[in-house]
Protein backbone atom coordinates (compact mmCIF):
# COMPACT_ATOMS: atom_id res chain seq x y z
CA MET A 1 -27.66 -49.83 -3.63
CA ALA A 2 -26.55 -46.35 -4.70
CA ASP A 3 -29.09 -43.78 -5.88
CA PHE A 4 -28.22 -40.75 -8.01
CA THR A 5 -30.03 -37.45 -8.52
CA ASP A 6 -29.02 -34.33 -10.43
CA THR A 7 -29.71 -31.98 -7.52
CA LEU A 8 -30.25 -32.01 -3.76
CA THR A 9 -33.69 -33.04 -2.54
CA GLU A 10 -35.38 -31.92 0.69
CA LYS A 11 -34.46 -35.30 2.21
CA HIS A 12 -30.79 -34.77 1.27
CA ILE A 13 -30.81 -31.28 2.75
CA ALA A 14 -32.30 -32.50 6.05
CA PHE A 15 -29.63 -35.23 6.24
CA ILE A 16 -26.79 -32.78 5.52
CA ARG A 17 -27.98 -30.35 8.18
CA ALA A 18 -27.96 -33.11 10.81
CA GLN A 19 -24.31 -34.08 10.26
CA PRO A 20 -21.52 -32.63 12.46
CA VAL A 21 -18.69 -33.30 9.99
CA PHE A 22 -18.12 -33.52 6.24
CA PHE A 23 -15.21 -34.50 4.03
CA THR A 24 -13.86 -32.82 0.89
CA ALA A 25 -11.82 -34.48 -1.85
CA THR A 26 -10.07 -32.76 -4.76
CA ALA A 27 -7.38 -33.57 -7.29
CA ALA A 28 -5.50 -32.02 -10.20
CA ALA A 29 -3.34 -33.51 -12.95
CA GLY A 30 0.04 -34.58 -11.63
CA ALA A 31 -0.86 -33.69 -8.03
CA ARG A 32 -1.72 -35.72 -4.97
CA ILE A 33 -5.36 -36.35 -4.17
CA ASN A 34 -6.40 -34.21 -1.21
CA LEU A 35 -8.96 -35.40 1.34
CA SER A 36 -9.90 -33.19 4.29
CA PRO A 37 -12.36 -33.52 7.20
CA LYS A 38 -14.33 -30.38 8.09
CA GLY A 39 -16.20 -29.54 11.26
CA LEU A 40 -17.63 -26.43 12.89
CA ASP A 41 -20.70 -24.79 11.35
CA THR A 42 -19.12 -24.02 7.98
CA PHE A 43 -21.36 -25.67 5.35
CA SER A 44 -24.23 -23.85 3.66
CA ILE A 45 -26.85 -25.02 1.16
CA LEU A 46 -27.56 -22.09 -1.15
CA SER A 47 -30.01 -23.91 -3.44
CA ASN A 48 -30.70 -27.45 -4.63
CA ASP A 49 -27.83 -27.09 -7.13
CA ARG A 50 -25.34 -24.86 -5.25
CA VAL A 51 -23.58 -25.33 -1.91
CA ALA A 52 -20.65 -23.56 -0.28
CA TYR A 53 -18.39 -23.87 2.71
CA LEU A 54 -16.34 -21.47 4.77
CA ASP A 55 -12.65 -22.36 4.87
CA LEU A 56 -10.32 -21.45 7.73
CA GLY A 57 -6.55 -21.21 7.52
CA GLY A 58 -4.72 -24.45 8.17
CA SER A 59 -1.47 -26.21 7.36
CA GLY A 60 -2.07 -26.14 3.62
CA ASN A 61 -4.42 -24.85 0.94
CA GLU A 62 -4.65 -27.82 -1.41
CA THR A 63 -8.37 -27.47 -2.10
CA HIS A 64 -7.83 -23.94 -3.44
CA ALA A 65 -4.96 -25.08 -5.67
CA HIS A 66 -6.87 -28.07 -7.04
CA LEU A 67 -10.07 -26.14 -7.70
CA SER A 68 -8.15 -23.39 -9.49
CA ALA A 69 -6.37 -25.98 -11.65
CA ASP A 70 -9.13 -28.54 -12.19
CA GLY A 71 -12.43 -27.55 -10.55
CA ARG A 72 -13.61 -31.02 -9.53
CA ILE A 73 -14.66 -31.60 -5.92
CA THR A 74 -16.50 -34.29 -4.00
CA ILE A 75 -18.16 -33.55 -0.66
CA MET A 76 -19.11 -36.52 1.52
CA PHE A 77 -21.40 -36.68 4.54
CA CYS A 78 -21.92 -39.92 6.45
CA ALA A 79 -24.17 -40.78 9.36
CA PHE A 80 -22.33 -41.89 12.47
CA GLU A 81 -25.66 -42.58 14.19
CA ASN A 82 -28.72 -44.46 12.93
CA PRO A 83 -30.09 -44.65 10.33
CA ALA A 84 -26.96 -45.37 8.32
CA ASN A 85 -26.44 -43.27 5.20
CA ILE A 86 -23.70 -41.82 3.01
CA LEU A 87 -24.28 -38.82 0.75
CA ARG A 88 -21.81 -37.53 -1.83
CA ILE A 89 -22.05 -34.28 -3.74
CA TYR A 90 -20.07 -34.31 -6.99
CA GLY A 91 -19.46 -30.82 -8.25
CA ARG A 92 -17.33 -28.04 -9.66
CA GLY A 93 -15.87 -25.61 -7.15
CA THR A 94 -14.47 -22.10 -7.15
CA PRO A 95 -12.51 -20.33 -4.39
CA ILE A 96 -14.01 -16.97 -3.37
CA LEU A 97 -11.58 -14.76 -1.42
CA PRO A 98 -12.45 -11.69 0.71
CA GLN A 99 -10.89 -9.42 -1.92
CA ASP A 100 -13.08 -10.88 -4.73
CA ARG A 101 -16.14 -9.03 -6.01
CA GLU A 102 -18.32 -12.13 -5.32
CA TRP A 103 -17.40 -12.16 -1.60
CA PRO A 104 -20.40 -10.08 -0.36
CA GLU A 105 -22.83 -12.37 -2.19
CA PHE A 106 -21.45 -15.51 -0.52
CA VAL A 107 -20.33 -14.29 2.92
CA GLN A 108 -23.90 -13.40 3.91
CA HIS A 109 -24.60 -17.15 4.24
CA PHE A 110 -22.01 -17.67 6.99
CA GLU A 111 -20.93 -16.57 10.42
CA ILE A 112 -17.36 -15.40 9.89
CA LEU A 113 -15.06 -17.31 12.23
CA PRO A 114 -11.56 -16.28 13.34
CA GLY A 115 -9.10 -17.39 10.68
CA THR A 116 -11.59 -17.33 7.81
CA ARG A 117 -9.55 -17.47 4.63
CA GLN A 118 -12.03 -18.12 1.79
CA ILE A 119 -15.35 -19.62 0.75
CA PHE A 120 -15.60 -22.48 -1.71
CA SER A 121 -18.65 -22.18 -3.96
CA ILE A 122 -19.70 -25.53 -5.44
CA GLU A 123 -22.04 -26.14 -8.35
CA VAL A 124 -23.78 -29.49 -7.73
CA LYS A 125 -23.44 -31.80 -10.74
CA SER A 126 -24.85 -34.95 -9.13
CA VAL A 127 -25.74 -36.39 -5.73
CA GLN A 128 -25.27 -40.01 -4.68
CA THR A 129 -26.62 -41.75 -1.61
CA SER A 130 -25.63 -45.22 -0.44
CA CYS A 131 -26.25 -47.48 2.56
CA GLY A 132 -23.37 -46.59 4.88
CA TRP A 133 -23.68 -49.89 6.74
CA GLY A 134 -19.90 -50.16 7.11
CA VAL A 135 -19.60 -46.82 8.96
CA PRO A 136 -19.32 -47.29 12.75
CA ILE A 137 -21.79 -45.78 15.18
CA MET A 138 -20.11 -42.91 17.03
CA HIS A 139 -21.38 -39.97 19.07
CA VAL A 140 -20.15 -36.38 19.05
CA GLU A 141 -18.84 -35.26 22.42
CA ARG A 142 -18.31 -31.58 21.57
CA PRO A 143 -16.84 -29.36 18.87
CA ARG A 144 -13.08 -28.86 18.97
CA GLU A 145 -12.32 -25.15 19.48
CA THR A 146 -8.53 -25.28 19.03
CA LEU A 147 -8.43 -23.94 15.46
CA THR A 148 -10.67 -20.92 16.03
CA LYS A 149 -8.92 -20.12 19.34
CA ALA A 150 -5.51 -20.21 17.66
CA HIS A 151 -6.70 -17.86 14.92
CA ALA A 152 -8.44 -15.57 17.42
CA ASN A 153 -5.20 -15.22 19.42
CA ALA A 154 -3.06 -14.49 16.35
CA ASP A 155 -1.53 -11.12 15.59
CA GLY A 156 -3.52 -10.00 12.55
CA ASP A 157 -0.63 -8.43 10.66
CA ALA A 158 1.63 -11.45 11.24
CA TRP A 159 -1.22 -13.79 10.21
CA VAL A 160 -1.67 -11.93 6.91
CA ASP A 161 2.11 -11.89 6.32
CA THR A 162 2.29 -15.67 6.80
CA VAL A 163 -0.76 -16.46 4.66
CA THR A 164 0.26 -14.20 1.77
CA GLN A 165 3.58 -16.06 1.51
CA ARG A 166 1.78 -19.36 0.88
CA THR A 167 1.39 -19.17 -2.88
CA LYS A 168 1.98 -22.80 -3.87
CA SER A 169 0.46 -26.17 -3.01
CA ILE A 170 2.47 -29.18 -1.87
CA ASP A 171 2.90 -30.09 -5.55
CA GLY A 172 3.74 -26.55 -6.69
CA LEU A 173 0.32 -25.53 -8.01
CA PRO A 174 -0.45 -21.81 -7.64
CA ILE A 175 -2.59 -20.52 -4.76
CA ARG A 176 -4.13 -17.07 -4.58
CA PRO A 177 -3.99 -16.14 -0.86
CA THR A 178 -6.38 -13.97 1.10
CA ASP A 179 -5.27 -10.48 2.02
CA ARG A 180 -7.35 -10.19 5.21
CA TYR A 181 -7.34 -11.35 8.79
CA PHE A 182 -10.68 -12.00 10.47
CA GLY A 183 -10.20 -11.92 14.21
CA PRO A 184 -12.29 -12.72 17.26
CA GLU A 185 -14.87 -10.04 16.46
CA GLY A 186 -16.20 -12.26 13.68
CA GLY A 187 -14.69 -10.09 10.99
CA GLN A 188 -15.41 -6.69 12.53
CA GLY A 189 -11.72 -5.98 13.03
CA ALA A 190 -10.56 -7.26 9.64
CA LYS A 191 -7.19 -5.94 8.60
CA SER A 192 -6.17 -5.62 5.00
CA LEU A 193 -2.93 -4.97 3.19
């Protein structure tokens, strides 16, 4: 049986903080639905009606394009250990880039990782929990460090050049790219155009 609330409760927050992975889903008119898994320590609960997550550079930037065009986002957490549970946050999201005036307000909630590209701020519209009995029991072995290592070893100027050329989604929706490289110093050596 699914239960809905308008905001996150303390029980929801405790569950979210215990999960090693979350999933994001977005869509926009005429575009593919995007679904992405997220790991690392990149999710932050700002209040019972606002969450955010730190986004690192990857092969695409569909979430940014969809949120700019449509705004809808669903975040899903599921328990891979007992007790079983699934939690979905339905919300409206906004990309916050390092060059945006809102960046200092949001970045204070995160440890900047190599390759940080943006933060997605999400206004919680509703929260759903359900049984999760169909999710298998699995155990986390360790975090995968490949993405942050690749970004940490990048040439900052070349990284910025590559990222600033990515201005469209798979379906041609506009993307506003970051203008900064955050390297292995956790952002201390950020380079800007």
